[in-house]
Amino acid sequence: MAARVTYRRRNPYNTRSNKVKVVKTPGGNLRYLHVKKLGTRPKCGDCGTALPGIPALRPRQYATVSKPTKTVQRAYGGNLCSGCVQSRVVRAFLIEEQKIVKRVLKDSAEKEKASSKKKGKK
């Protein structure tokens, strides 16, 4: 018959936060070892994929690790994945280009109106 093992903390129920595994001590006794919950990987704010280069920790553990381990050296590092950052940059560039094209077309239209008025006066 296996030896009985009891919880070592005050919580007597088999909950998610009270998971244990049985270990054998150097004295030969069986004892429960409380296992901490696993952390989840941080996700991209746009697409929801796990961010590479950032460890999966419990929320409170991020306070104890250094800043370079919590981010990557890029704009929006630690918040967005590289693909989403790239698409944002491209989108911003194309919007600016569209504004420039619109401005150029407007200027050329004004020049055509001015030249047609001059021809009309002669």
PDB file of N, CA and C in Angstrom:
ATOM      1  N   MET A   1       0.835  -1.186   0.000  1.00  0.00           N
ATOM      2  CA  MET A   1       0.000   0.000   0.000  1.00  0.00           C
ATOM      3  C   MET A   1       0.880   1.249   0.000  1.00  0.00           C
ATOM      4  N   ALA A   2       0.498   2.251  -0.819  1.00  0.00           N
ATOM      5  CA  ALA A   2       1.278   3.480  -0.937  1.00  0.00           C
ATOM      6  C   ALA A   2       1.105   4.351   0.302  1.00  0.00           C
ATOM      7  N   ALA A   3       2.155   5.089   0.614  1.00  0.00           N
ATOM      8  CA  ALA A   3       2.095   5.974   1.775  1.00  0.00           C
ATOM      9  C   ALA A   3       1.172   7.143   1.492  1.00  0.00           C
ATOM     10  N   ARG A   4       0.458   7.600   2.489  1.00  0.00           N
ATOM     11  CA  ARG A   4      -0.436   8.747   2.322  1.00  0.00           C
ATOM     12  C   ARG A   4       0.367  10.039   2.373  1.00  0.00           C
ATOM     13  N   VAL A   5      -0.067  10.976   1.537  1.00  0.00           N
ATOM     14  CA  VAL A   5       0.614  12.268   1.477  1.00  0.00           C
ATOM     15  C   VAL A   5      -0.450  13.341   1.649  1.00  0.00           C
ATOM     16  N   THR A   6      -0.138  14.373   2.423  1.00  0.00           N
ATOM     17  CA  THR A   6      -1.115  15.448   2.648  1.00  0.00           C
ATOM     18  C   THR A   6      -0.571  16.757   2.088  1.00  0.00           C
ATOM     19  N   TYR A   7      -1.522  17.659   1.775  1.00  0.00           N
ATOM     20  CA  TYR A   7      -1.134  18.990   1.290  1.00  0.00           C
ATOM     21  C   TYR A   7      -0.319  19.707   2.350  1.00  0.00           C
ATOM     22  N   ARG A   8       0.566  20.588   1.915  1.00  0.00           N
ATOM     23  CA  ARG A   8       1.434  21.313   2.842  1.00  0.00           C
ATOM     24  C   ARG A   8       0.983  22.743   3.048  1.00  0.00           C
ATOM     25  N   ARG A   9      -0.021  23.183   2.310  1.00  0.00           N
ATOM     26  CA  ARG A   9      -0.559  24.535   2.474  1.00  0.00           C
ATOM     27  C   ARG A   9      -1.969  24.463   3.020  1.00  0.00           C
ATOM     28  N   ARG A  10      -2.565  25.630   3.252  1.00  0.00           N
ATOM     29  CA  ARG A  10      -3.880  25.660   3.876  1.00  0.00           C
ATOM     30  C   ARG A  10      -5.024  25.296   2.942  1.00  0.00           C
ATOM     31  N   ASN A  11      -4.784  25.356   1.621  1.00  0.00           N
ATOM     32  CA  ASN A  11      -5.849  25.068   0.666  1.00  0.00           C
ATOM     33  C   ASN A  11      -6.023  23.541   0.542  1.00  0.00           C
ATOM     34  N   PRO A  12      -7.158  22.996   0.970  1.00  0.00           N
ATOM     35  CA  PRO A  12      -7.311  21.535   0.960  1.00  0.00           C
ATOM     36  C   PRO A  12      -7.961  20.969  -0.306  1.00  0.00           C
ATOM     37  N   TYR A  13      -8.139  21.799  -1.357  1.00  0.00           N
ATOM     38  CA  TYR A  13      -8.864  21.348  -2.542  1.00  0.00           C
ATOM     39  C   TYR A  13      -7.945  21.237  -3.753  1.00  0.00           C
ATOM     40  N   ASN A  14      -8.330  20.384  -4.684  1.00  0.00           N
ATOM     41  CA  ASN A  14      -7.533  20.132  -5.882  1.00  0.00           C
ATOM     42  C   ASN A  14      -7.872  21.175  -6.941  1.00  0.00           C
ATOM     43  N   THR A  15      -7.420  22.403  -6.735  1.00  0.00           N
ATOM     44  CA  THR A  15      -7.720  23.494  -7.653  1.00  0.00           C
ATOM     45  C   THR A  15      -6.544  23.728  -8.584  1.00  0.00           C
ATOM     46  N   ARG A  16      -6.738  24.646  -9.552  1.00  0.00           N
ATOM     47  CA  ARG A  16      -5.662  24.944 -10.505  1.00  0.00           C
ATOM     48  C   ARG A  16      -4.448  25.545  -9.818  1.00  0.00           C
ATOM     49  N   SER A  17      -4.660  26.295  -8.742  1.00  0.00           N
ATOM     50  CA  SER A  17      -3.546  26.948  -8.062  1.00  0.00           C
ATOM     51  C   SER A  17      -2.933  26.056  -6.985  1.00  0.00           C
ATOM     52  N   ASN A  18      -3.462  24.835  -6.804  1.00  0.00           N
ATOM     53  CA  ASN A  18      -2.988  23.957  -5.737  1.00  0.00           C
ATOM     54  C   ASN A  18      -2.480  22.627  -6.304  1.00  0.00           C
ATOM     55  N   LYS A  19      -1.834  22.670  -7.476  1.00  0.00           N
ATOM     56  CA  LYS A  19      -1.339  21.454  -8.090  1.00  0.00           C
ATOM     57  C   LYS A  19      -0.055  21.006  -7.393  1.00  0.00           C
ATOM     58  N   VAL A  20       0.122  19.692  -7.285  1.00  0.00           N
ATOM     59  CA  VAL A  20       1.273  19.144  -6.576  1.00  0.00           C
ATOM     60  C   VAL A  20       1.840  17.959  -7.344  1.00  0.00           C
ATOM     61  N   LYS A  21       3.088  17.609  -7.026  1.00  0.00           N
ATOM     62  CA  LYS A  21       3.639  16.347  -7.504  1.00  0.00           C
ATOM     63  C   LYS A  21       4.336  15.684  -6.321  1.00  0.00           C
ATOM     64  N   VAL A  22       4.392  14.383  -6.364  1.00  0.00           N
ATOM     65  CA  VAL A  22       4.969  13.623  -5.251  1.00  0.00           C
ATOM     66  C   VAL A  22       6.469  13.464  -5.494  1.00  0.00           C
ATOM     67  N   VAL A  23       7.260  13.812  -4.498  1.00  0.00           N
ATOM     68  CA  VAL A  23       8.715  13.643  -4.571  1.00  0.00           C
ATOM     69  C   VAL A  23       9.173  12.833  -3.356  1.00  0.00           C
ATOM     70  N   LYS A  24      10.269  12.172  -3.530  1.00  0.00           N
ATOM     71  CA  LYS A  24      10.844  11.408  -2.422  1.00  0.00           C
ATOM     72  C   LYS A  24      11.992  12.221  -1.828  1.00  0.00           C
ATOM     73  N   THR A  25      11.952  12.467  -0.544  1.00  0.00           N
ATOM     74  CA  THR A  25      12.974  13.257   0.140  1.00  0.00           C
ATOM     75  C   THR A  25      14.220  12.397   0.359  1.00  0.00           C
ATOM     76  N   PRO A  26      15.355  13.037   0.688  1.00  0.00           N
ATOM     77  CA  PRO A  26      16.563  12.241   0.967  1.00  0.00           C
ATOM     78  C   PRO A  26      16.380  11.269   2.136  1.00  0.00           C
ATOM     79  N   GLY A  27      15.446  11.556   3.023  1.00  0.00           N
ATOM     80  CA  GLY A  27      15.185  10.649   4.153  1.00  0.00           C
ATOM     81  C   GLY A  27      14.332   9.460   3.767  1.00  0.00           C
ATOM     82  N   GLY A  28      13.872   9.425   2.508  1.00  0.00           N
ATOM     83  CA  GLY A  28      13.082   8.288   2.062  1.00  0.00           C
ATOM     84  C   GLY A  28      11.576   8.498   2.184  1.00  0.00           C
ATOM     85  N   ASN A  29      11.153   9.669   2.637  1.00  0.00           N
ATOM     86  CA  ASN A  29       9.716   9.927   2.782  1.00  0.00           C
ATOM     87  C   ASN A  29       9.140  10.467   1.484  1.00  0.00           C
ATOM     88  N   LEU A  30       7.846  10.273   1.279  1.00  0.00           N
ATOM     89  CA  LEU A  30       7.143  10.880   0.159  1.00  0.00           C
ATOM     90  C   LEU A  30       6.527  12.178   0.625  1.00  0.00           C
ATOM     91  N   ARG A  31       6.610  13.195  -0.205  1.00  0.00           N
ATOM     92  CA  ARG A  31       6.087  14.492   0.196  1.00  0.00           C
ATOM     93  C   ARG A  31       5.555  15.213  -1.036  1.00  0.00           C
ATOM     94  N   TYR A  32       4.512  16.012  -0.853  1.00  0.00           N
ATOM     95  CA  TYR A  32       3.972  16.809  -1.953  1.00  0.00           C
ATOM     96  C   TYR A  32       4.871  18.017  -2.194  1.00  0.00           C
ATOM     97  N   LEU A  33       5.144  18.310  -3.492  1.00  0.00           N
ATOM     98  CA  LEU A  33       5.854  19.512  -3.893  1.00  0.00           C
ATOM     99  C   LEU A  33       4.868  20.348  -4.696  1.00  0.00           C
ATOM    100  N   HIS A  34       4.542  21.537  -4.204  1.00  0.00           N
ATOM    101  CA  HIS A  34       3.585  22.400  -4.899  1.00  0.00           C
ATOM    102  C   HIS A  34       4.219  22.935  -6.178  1.00  0.00           C
ATOM    103  N   VAL A  35       3.483  22.827  -7.288  1.00  0.00           N
ATOM    104  CA  VAL A  35       3.967  23.235  -8.599  1.00  0.00           C
ATOM    105  C   VAL A  35       3.283  24.541  -8.987  1.00  0.00           C
ATOM    106  N   LYS A  36       4.084  25.521  -9.404  1.00  0.00           N
ATOM    107  CA  LYS A  36       3.519  26.808  -9.794  1.00  0.00           C
ATOM    108  C   LYS A  36       2.883  26.714 -11.168  1.00  0.00           C
ATOM    109  N   LYS A  37       1.951  27.613 -11.439  1.00  0.00           N
ATOM    110  CA  LYS A  37       1.288  27.624 -12.730  1.00  0.00           C
ATOM    111  C   LYS A  37       2.259  28.120 -13.804  1.00  0.00           C
ATOM    112  N   LEU A  38       2.076  27.606 -15.013  1.00  0.00           N
ATOM    113  CA  LEU A  38       2.921  28.015 -16.125  1.00  0.00           C
ATOM    114  C   LEU A  38       2.480  29.375 -16.649  1.00  0.00           C
ATOM    115  N   GLY A  39       3.443  30.158 -17.106  1.00  0.00           N
ATOM    116  CA  GLY A  39       3.119  31.445 -17.708  1.00  0.00           C
ATOM    117  C   GLY A  39       2.786  31.286 -19.175  1.00  0.00           C
ATOM    118  N   THR A  40       2.018  32.212 -19.720  1.00  0.00           N
ATOM    119  CA  THR A  40       1.704  32.183 -21.148  1.00  0.00           C
ATOM    120  C   THR A  40       2.566  33.201 -21.879  1.00  0.00           C
ATOM    121  N   ARG A  41       2.823  32.921 -23.153  1.00  0.00           N
ATOM    122  CA  ARG A  41       3.638  33.821 -23.961  1.00  0.00           C
ATOM    123  C   ARG A  41       2.858  35.100 -24.228  1.00  0.00           C
ATOM    124  N   PRO A  42       3.526  36.261 -24.204  1.00  0.00           N
ATOM    125  CA  PRO A  42       2.851  37.499 -24.590  1.00  0.00           C
ATOM    126  C   PRO A  42       2.433  37.439 -26.049  1.00  0.00           C
ATOM    127  N   LYS A  43       1.278  38.017 -26.359  1.00  0.00           N
ATOM    128  CA  LYS A  43       0.726  37.947 -27.712  1.00  0.00           C
ATOM    129  C   LYS A  43       0.799  39.306 -28.402  1.00  0.00           C
ATOM    130  N   CYS A  44       0.836  39.268 -29.737  1.00  0.00           N
ATOM    131  CA  CYS A  44       0.828  40.478 -30.553  1.00  0.00           C
ATOM    132  C   CYS A  44      -0.518  41.171 -30.383  1.00  0.00           C
ATOM    133  N   GLY A  45      -0.499  42.498 -30.266  1.00  0.00           N
ATOM    134  CA  GLY A  45      -1.740  43.240 -30.068  1.00  0.00           C
ATOM    135  C   GLY A  45      -2.633  43.260 -31.284  1.00  0.00           C
ATOM    136  N   ASP A  46      -2.067  43.103 -32.488  1.00  0.00           N
ATOM    137  CA  ASP A  46      -2.871  43.140 -33.703  1.00  0.00           C
ATOM    138  C   ASP A  46      -3.366  41.758 -34.112  1.00  0.00           C
ATOM    139  N   CYS A  47      -2.421  40.828 -34.325  1.00  0.00           N
ATOM    140  CA  CYS A  47      -2.804  39.526 -34.892  1.00  0.00           C
ATOM    141  C   CYS A  47      -2.963  38.430 -33.845  1.00  0.00           C
ATOM    142  N   GLY A  48      -2.430  38.612 -32.641  1.00  0.00           N
ATOM    143  CA  GLY A  48      -2.630  37.634 -31.577  1.00  0.00           C
ATOM    144  C   GLY A  48      -1.641  36.483 -31.556  1.00  0.00           C
ATOM    145  N   THR A  49      -0.594  36.520 -32.387  1.00  0.00           N
ATOM    146  CA  THR A  49       0.401  35.450 -32.354  1.00  0.00           C
ATOM    147  C   THR A  49       1.371  35.684 -31.196  1.00  0.00           C
ATOM    148  N   ALA A  50       1.994  34.611 -30.724  1.00  0.00           N
ATOM    149  CA  ALA A  50       2.951  34.719 -29.626  1.00  0.00           C
ATOM    150  C   ALA A  50       4.180  35.489 -30.094  1.00  0.00           C
ATOM    151  N   LEU A  51       4.669  36.383 -29.241  1.00  0.00           N
ATOM    152  CA  LEU A  51       5.819  37.220 -29.604  1.00  0.00           C
ATOM    153  C   LEU A  51       7.114  36.434 -29.406  1.00  0.00           C
ATOM    154  N   PRO A  52       7.933  36.299 -30.461  1.00  0.00           N
ATOM    155  CA  PRO A  52       9.204  35.598 -30.298  1.00  0.00           C
ATOM    156  C   PRO A  52      10.209  36.471 -29.552  1.00  0.00           C
ATOM    157  N   GLY A  53      11.079  35.831 -28.784  1.00  0.00           N
ATOM    158  CA  GLY A  53      12.141  36.546 -28.082  1.00  0.00           C
ATOM    159  C   GLY A  53      11.756  37.049 -26.711  1.00  0.00           C
ATOM    160  N   ILE A  54      10.516  36.771 -26.270  1.00  0.00           N
ATOM    161  CA  ILE A  54      10.075  37.217 -24.951  1.00  0.00           C
ATOM    162  C   ILE A  54       9.661  35.987 -24.157  1.00  0.00           C
ATOM    163  N   PRO A  55      10.205  35.789 -22.956  1.00  0.00           N
ATOM    164  CA  PRO A  55       9.920  34.557 -22.220  1.00  0.00           C
ATOM    165  C   PRO A  55       8.490  34.515 -21.690  1.00  0.00           C
ATOM    166  N   ALA A  56       8.000  33.297 -21.489  1.00  0.00           N
ATOM    167  CA  ALA A  56       6.667  33.093 -20.923  1.00  0.00           C
ATOM    168  C   ALA A  56       6.804  33.017 -19.410  1.00  0.00           C
ATOM    169  N   LEU A  57       6.367  34.057 -18.733  1.00  0.00           N
ATOM    170  CA  LEU A  57       6.464  34.128 -17.275  1.00  0.00           C
ATOM    171  C   LEU A  57       5.099  34.451 -16.684  1.00  0.00           C
ATOM    172  N   ARG A  58       4.999  34.256 -15.382  1.00  0.00           N
ATOM    173  CA  ARG A  58       3.814  34.709 -14.671  1.00  0.00           C
ATOM    174  C   ARG A  58       3.891  36.233 -14.567  1.00  0.00           C
ATOM    175  N   PRO A  59       2.750  36.929 -14.472  1.00  0.00           N
ATOM    176  CA  PRO A  59       2.773  38.396 -14.535  1.00  0.00           C
ATOM    177  C   PRO A  59       3.699  39.051 -13.510  1.00  0.00           C
ATOM    178  N   ARG A  60       3.741  38.541 -12.305  1.00  0.00           N
ATOM    179  CA  ARG A  60       4.564  39.168 -11.276  1.00  0.00           C
ATOM    180  C   ARG A  60       6.059  38.950 -11.538  1.00  0.00           C
ATOM    181  N   GLN A  61       6.406  37.889 -12.253  1.00  0.00           N
ATOM    182  CA  GLN A  61       7.820  37.612 -12.517  1.00  0.00           C
ATOM    183  C   GLN A  61       8.430  38.601 -13.497  1.00  0.00           C
ATOM    184  N   TYR A  62       7.614  39.249 -14.330  1.00  0.00           N
ATOM    185  CA  TYR A  62       8.150  40.242 -15.258  1.00  0.00           C
ATOM    186  C   TYR A  62       8.742  41.437 -14.512  1.00  0.00           C
ATOM    187  N   ALA A  63       8.298  41.664 -13.285  1.00  0.00           N
ATOM    188  CA  ALA A  63       8.833  42.780 -12.514  1.00  0.00           C
ATOM    189  C   ALA A  63      10.267  42.517 -12.081  1.00  0.00           C
ATOM    190  N   THR A  64      10.655  41.251 -11.984  1.00  0.00           N
ATOM    191  CA  THR A  64      11.989  40.933 -11.470  1.00  0.00           C
ATOM    192  C   THR A  64      13.018  40.721 -12.569  1.00  0.00           C
ATOM    193  N   VAL A  65      12.593  40.548 -13.829  1.00  0.00           N
ATOM    194  CA  VAL A  65      13.566  40.338 -14.898  1.00  0.00           C
ATOM    195  C   VAL A  65      13.949  41.669 -15.518  1.00  0.00           C
ATOM    196  N   SER A  66      15.104  41.697 -16.191  1.00  0.00           N
ATOM    197  CA  SER A  66      15.613  42.946 -16.746  1.00  0.00           C
ATOM    198  C   SER A  66      14.813  43.376 -17.975  1.00  0.00           C
ATOM    199  N   LYS A  67      14.933  44.633 -18.323  1.00  0.00           N
ATOM    200  CA  LYS A  67      14.160  45.178 -19.440  1.00  0.00           C
ATOM    201  C   LYS A  67      14.507  44.530 -20.784  1.00  0.00           C
ATOM    202  N   PRO A  68      15.773  44.252 -21.098  1.00  0.00           N
ATOM    203  CA  PRO A  68      16.059  43.618 -22.397  1.00  0.00           C
ATOM    204  C   PRO A  68      15.405  42.251 -22.587  1.00  0.00           C
ATOM    205  N   THR A  69      15.082  41.554 -21.494  1.00  0.00           N
ATOM    206  CA  THR A  69      14.418  40.266 -21.652  1.00  0.00           C
ATOM    207  C   THR A  69      12.914  40.416 -21.888  1.00  0.00           C
ATOM    208  N   LYS A  70      12.373  41.599 -21.583  1.00  0.00           N
ATOM    209  CA  LYS A  70      10.929  41.809 -21.758  1.00  0.00           C
ATOM    210  C   LYS A  70      10.568  42.423 -23.097  1.00  0.00           C
ATOM    211  N   THR A  71      11.559  42.914 -23.862  1.00  0.00           N
ATOM    212  CA  THR A  71      11.275  43.582 -25.123  1.00  0.00           C
ATOM    213  C   THR A  71      12.231  43.082 -26.192  1.00  0.00           C
ATOM    214  N   VAL A  72      11.983  43.524 -27.431  1.00  0.00           N
ATOM    215  CA  VAL A  72      12.947  43.344 -28.514  1.00  0.00           C
ATOM    216  C   VAL A  72      13.273  44.724 -29.062  1.00  0.00           C
ATOM    217  N   GLN A  73      14.455  44.885 -29.658  1.00  0.00           N
ATOM    218  CA  GLN A  73      14.929  46.194 -30.098  1.00  0.00           C
ATOM    219  C   GLN A  73      14.300  46.578 -31.427  1.00  0.00           C
ATOM    220  N   ARG A  74      13.083  47.082 -31.349  1.00  0.00           N
ATOM    221  CA  ARG A  74      12.350  47.471 -32.542  1.00  0.00           C
ATOM    222  C   ARG A  74      11.215  48.377 -32.082  1.00  0.00           C
ATOM    223  N   ALA A  75      10.674  49.148 -33.011  1.00  0.00           N
ATOM    224  CA  ALA A  75       9.491  49.941 -32.676  1.00  0.00           C
ATOM    225  C   ALA A  75       8.377  48.977 -32.284  1.00  0.00           C
ATOM    226  N   TYR A  76       7.643  49.304 -31.250  1.00  0.00           N
ATOM    227  CA  TYR A  76       6.590  48.454 -30.689  1.00  0.00           C
ATOM    228  C   TYR A  76       7.140  47.113 -30.213  1.00  0.00           C
ATOM    229  N   GLY A  77       8.429  47.049 -29.863  1.00  0.00           N
ATOM    230  CA  GLY A  77       9.019  45.797 -29.401  1.00  0.00           C
ATOM    231  C   GLY A  77       8.369  45.341 -28.107  1.00  0.00           C
ATOM    232  N   GLY A  78       7.925  44.101 -28.062  1.00  0.00           N
ATOM    233  CA  GLY A  78       7.243  43.573 -26.891  1.00  0.00           C
ATOM    234  C   GLY A  78       5.748  43.757 -26.942  1.00  0.00           C
ATOM    235  N   ASN A  79       5.228  44.474 -27.950  1.00  0.00           N
ATOM    236  CA  ASN A  79       3.788  44.670 -28.086  1.00  0.00           C
ATOM    237  C   ASN A  79       3.251  44.124 -29.398  1.00  0.00           C
ATOM    238  N   LEU A  80       4.008  44.321 -30.483  1.00  0.00           N
ATOM    239  CA  LEU A  80       3.574  43.855 -31.796  1.00  0.00           C
ATOM    240  C   LEU A  80       4.651  42.971 -32.406  1.00  0.00           C
ATOM    241  N   CYS A  81       4.221  42.037 -33.257  1.00  0.00           N
ATOM    242  CA  CYS A  81       5.187  41.192 -33.962  1.00  0.00           C
ATOM    243  C   CYS A  81       5.775  41.982 -35.134  1.00  0.00           C
ATOM    244  N   SER A  82       6.842  41.462 -35.720  1.00  0.00           N
ATOM    245  CA  SER A  82       7.550  42.194 -36.769  1.00  0.00           C
ATOM    246  C   SER A  82       6.684  42.382 -38.008  1.00  0.00           C
ATOM    247  N   GLY A  83       5.856  41.419 -38.332  1.00  0.00           N
ATOM    248  CA  GLY A  83       5.000  41.534 -39.506  1.00  0.00           C
ATOM    249  C   GLY A  83       3.986  42.656 -39.377  1.00  0.00           C
ATOM    250  N   CYS A  84       3.401  42.797 -38.197  1.00  0.00           N
ATOM    251  CA  CYS A  84       2.418  43.867 -37.972  1.00  0.00           C
ATOM    252  C   CYS A  84       3.092  45.236 -37.977  1.00  0.00           C
ATOM    253  N   VAL A  85       4.309  45.326 -37.419  1.00  0.00           N
ATOM    254  CA  VAL A  85       5.043  46.595 -37.452  1.00  0.00           C
ATOM    255  C   VAL A  85       5.364  46.967 -38.893  1.00  0.00           C
ATOM    256  N   GLN A  86       5.792  45.978 -39.685  1.00  0.00           N
ATOM    257  CA  GLN A  86       6.124  46.228 -41.079  1.00  0.00           C
ATOM    258  C   GLN A  86       4.895  46.716 -41.848  1.00  0.00           C
ATOM    259  N   SER A  87       3.750  46.080 -41.625  1.00  0.00           N
ATOM    260  CA  SER A  87       2.537  46.503 -42.338  1.00  0.00           C
ATOM    261  C   SER A  87       2.118  47.908 -41.923  1.00  0.00           C
ATOM    262  N   ARG A  88       2.320  48.274 -40.659  1.00  0.00           N
ATOM    263  CA  ARG A  88       2.000  49.635 -40.206  1.00  0.00           C
ATOM    264  C   ARG A  88       2.896  50.662 -40.886  1.00  0.00           C
ATOM    265  N   VAL A  89       4.182  50.332 -40.992  1.00  0.00           N
ATOM    266  CA  VAL A  89       5.129  51.256 -41.632  1.00  0.00           C
ATOM    267  C   VAL A  89       4.761  51.439 -43.097  1.00  0.00           C
ATOM    268  N   VAL A  90       4.476  50.342 -43.782  1.00  0.00           N
ATOM    269  CA  VAL A  90       4.125  50.408 -45.201  1.00  0.00           C
ATOM    270  C   VAL A  90       2.832  51.195 -45.394  1.00  0.00           C
ATOM    271  N   ARG A  91       1.848  50.947 -44.526  1.00  0.00           N
ATOM    272  CA  ARG A  91       0.572  51.656 -44.634  1.00  0.00           C
ATOM    273  C   ARG A  91       0.771  53.160 -44.439  1.00  0.00           C
ATOM    274  N   ALA A  92       1.571  53.553 -43.448  1.00  0.00           N
ATOM    275  CA  ALA A  92       1.835  54.973 -43.210  1.00  0.00           C
ATOM    276  C   ALA A  92       2.551  55.601 -44.395  1.00  0.00           C
ATOM    277  N   PHE A  93       3.509  54.874 -44.977  1.00  0.00           N
ATOM    278  CA  PHE A  93       4.240  55.377 -46.137  1.00  0.00           C
ATOM    279  C   PHE A  93       3.299  55.580 -47.321  1.00  0.00           C
ATOM    280  N   LEU A  94       2.427  54.609 -47.576  1.00  0.00           N
ATOM    281  CA  LEU A  94       1.505  54.714 -48.716  1.00  0.00           C
ATOM    282  C   LEU A  94       0.500  55.844 -48.521  1.00  0.00           C
ATOM    283  N   ILE A  95       0.059  56.058 -47.302  1.00  0.00           N
ATOM    284  CA  ILE A  95      -0.874  57.163 -47.026  1.00  0.00           C
ATOM    285  C   ILE A  95      -0.192  58.497 -47.312  1.00  0.00           C
ATOM    286  N   GLU A  96       1.071  58.632 -46.887  1.00  0.00           N
ATOM    287  CA  GLU A  96       1.809  59.869 -47.155  1.00  0.00           C
ATOM    288  C   GLU A  96       2.003  60.065 -48.659  1.00  0.00           C
ATOM    289  N   GLU A  97       2.331  58.998 -49.366  1.00  0.00           N
ATOM    290  CA  GLU A  97       2.494  59.089 -50.821  1.00  0.00           C
ATOM    291  C   GLU A  97       1.185  59.509 -51.485  1.00  0.00           C
ATOM    292  N   GLN A  98       0.080  58.979 -51.002  1.00  0.00           N
ATOM    293  CA  GLN A  98      -1.229  59.321 -51.566  1.00  0.00           C
ATOM    294  C   GLN A  98      -1.534  60.804 -51.352  1.00  0.00           C
ATOM    295  N   LYS A  99      -1.172  61.336 -50.192  1.00  0.00           N
ATOM    296  CA  LYS A  99      -1.378  62.764 -49.927  1.00  0.00           C
ATOM    297  C   LYS A  99      -0.560  63.614 -50.892  1.00  0.00           C
ATOM    298  N   ILE A 100       0.693  63.193 -51.140  1.00  0.00           N
ATOM    299  CA  ILE A 100       1.562  63.948 -52.055  1.00  0.00           C
ATOM    300  C   ILE A 100       0.992  63.922 -53.470  1.00  0.00           C
ATOM    301  N   VAL A 101       0.528  62.756 -53.921  1.00  0.00           N
ATOM    302  CA  VAL A 101      -0.044  62.639 -55.270  1.00  0.00           C
ATOM    303  C   VAL A 101      -1.279  63.514 -55.399  1.00  0.00           C
ATOM    304  N   LYS A 102      -2.113  63.520 -54.372  1.00  0.00           N
ATOM    305  CA  LYS A 102      -3.325  64.335 -54.394  1.00  0.00           C
ATOM    306  C   LYS A 102      -2.977  65.817 -54.498  1.00  0.00           C
ATOM    307  N   ARG A 103      -1.944  66.236 -53.756  1.00  0.00           N
ATOM    308  CA  ARG A 103      -1.507  67.630 -53.777  1.00  0.00           C
ATOM    309  C   ARG A 103      -0.972  68.007 -55.163  1.00  0.00           C
ATOM    310  N   VAL A 104      -0.173  67.120 -55.776  1.00  0.00           N
ATOM    311  CA  VAL A 104       0.392  67.384 -57.100  1.00  0.00           C
ATOM    312  C   VAL A 104      -0.716  67.495 -58.136  1.00  0.00           C
ATOM    313  N   LEU A 105      -1.694  66.600 -58.096  1.00  0.00           N
ATOM    314  CA  LEU A 105      -2.813  66.654 -59.044  1.00  0.00           C
ATOM    315  C   LEU A 105      -3.613  67.942 -58.890  1.00  0.00           C
ATOM    316  N   LYS A 106      -3.801  68.370 -57.645  1.00  0.00           N
ATOM    317  CA  LYS A 106      -4.537  69.610 -57.389  1.00  0.00           C
ATOM    318  C   LYS A 106      -3.785  70.809 -57.967  1.00  0.00           C
ATOM    319  N   ASP A 107      -2.466  70.852 -57.762  1.00  0.00           N
ATOM    320  CA  ASP A 107      -1.649  71.951 -58.295  1.00  0.00           C
ATOM    321  C   ASP A 107      -1.690  71.977 -59.824  1.00  0.00           C
ATOM    322  N   SER A 108      -1.585  70.798 -60.441  1.00  0.00           N
ATOM    323  CA  SER A 108      -1.608  70.761 -61.908  1.00  0.00           C
ATOM    324  C   SER A 108      -2.976  71.178 -62.448  1.00  0.00           C
ATOM    325  N   ALA A 109      -4.047  70.825 -61.752  1.00  0.00           N
ATOM    326  CA  ALA A 109      -5.391  71.235 -62.180  1.00  0.00           C
ATOM    327  C   ALA A 109      -5.539  72.756 -62.093  1.00  0.00           C
ATOM    328  N   GLU A 110      -4.980  73.351 -61.023  1.00  0.00           N
ATOM    329  CA  GLU A 110      -5.045  74.811 -60.879  1.00  0.00           C
ATOM    330  C   GLU A 110      -4.242  75.500 -61.985  1.00  0.00           C
ATOM    331  N   LYS A 111      -3.095  74.950 -62.359  1.00  0.00           N
ATOM    332  CA  LYS A 111      -2.288  75.522 -63.437  1.00  0.00           C
ATOM    333  C   LYS A 111      -3.023  75.451 -64.769  1.00  0.00           C
ATOM    334  N   GLU A 112      -3.717  74.338 -65.019  1.00  0.00           N
ATOM    335  CA  GLU A 112      -4.488  74.196 -66.264  1.00  0.00           C
ATOM    336  C   GLU A 112      -5.616  75.226 -66.329  1.00  0.00           C
ATOM    337  N   LYS A 113      -6.292  75.442 -65.204  1.00  0.00           N
ATOM    338  CA  LYS A 113      -7.369  76.445 -65.165  1.00  0.00           C
ATOM    339  C   LYS A 113      -6.811  77.835 -65.459  1.00  0.00           C
ATOM    340  N   ALA A 114      -5.668  78.134 -64.844  1.00  0.00           N
ATOM    341  CA  ALA A 114      -5.056  79.448 -65.043  1.00  0.00           C
ATOM    342  C   ALA A 114      -4.627  79.626 -66.502  1.00  0.00           C
ATOM    343  N   SER A 115      -4.052  78.617 -67.097  1.00  0.00           N
ATOM    344  CA  SER A 115      -3.614  78.730 -68.495  1.00  0.00           C
ATOM    345  C   SER A 115      -4.813  78.821 -69.452  1.00  0.00           C
ATOM    346  N   SER A 116      -5.904  78.120 -69.128  1.00  0.00           N
ATOM    347  CA  SER A 116      -7.097  78.199 -70.005  1.00  0.00           C
ATOM    348  C   SER A 116      -7.757  79.579 -69.895  1.00  0.00           C
ATOM    349  N   LYS A 117      -7.699  80.190 -68.731  1.00  0.00           N
ATOM    350  CA  LYS A 117      -8.266  81.559 -68.582  1.00  0.00           C
ATOM    351  C   LYS A 117      -7.445  82.561 -69.389  1.00  0.00           C
ATOM    352  N   LYS A 118      -6.091  82.396 -69.386  1.00  0.00           N
ATOM    353  CA  LYS A 118      -5.235  83.296 -70.161  1.00  0.00           C
ATOM    354  C   LYS A 118      -5.535  83.167 -71.646  1.00  0.00           C
ATOM    355  N   LYS A 119      -5.726  81.944 -72.131  1.00  0.00           N
ATOM    356  CA  LYS A 119      -6.036  81.717 -73.549  1.00  0.00           C
ATOM    357  C   LYS A 119      -7.401  82.295 -73.900  1.00  0.00           C
ATOM    358  N   GLY A 120      -8.326  82.233 -72.977  1.00  0.00           N
ATOM    359  CA  GLY A 120      -9.673  82.779 -73.195  1.00  0.00           C
ATOM    360  C   GLY A 120      -9.668  84.286 -73.306  1.00  0.00           C
ATOM    361  N   LYS A 121      -8.791  84.984 -72.609  1.00  0.00           N
ATOM    362  CA  LYS A 121      -8.713  86.458 -72.646  1.00  0.00           C
ATOM    363  C   LYS A 121      -8.131  86.950 -73.974  1.00  0.00           C
ATOM    364  N   LYS A 122      -7.200  86.197 -74.573  1.00  0.00           N
ATOM    365  CA  LYS A 122      -6.563  86.624 -75.815  1.00  0.00           C
ATOM    366  C   LYS A 122      -7.520  86.509 -76.903  1.00  0.00           C
TER     367      LYS A 122
END
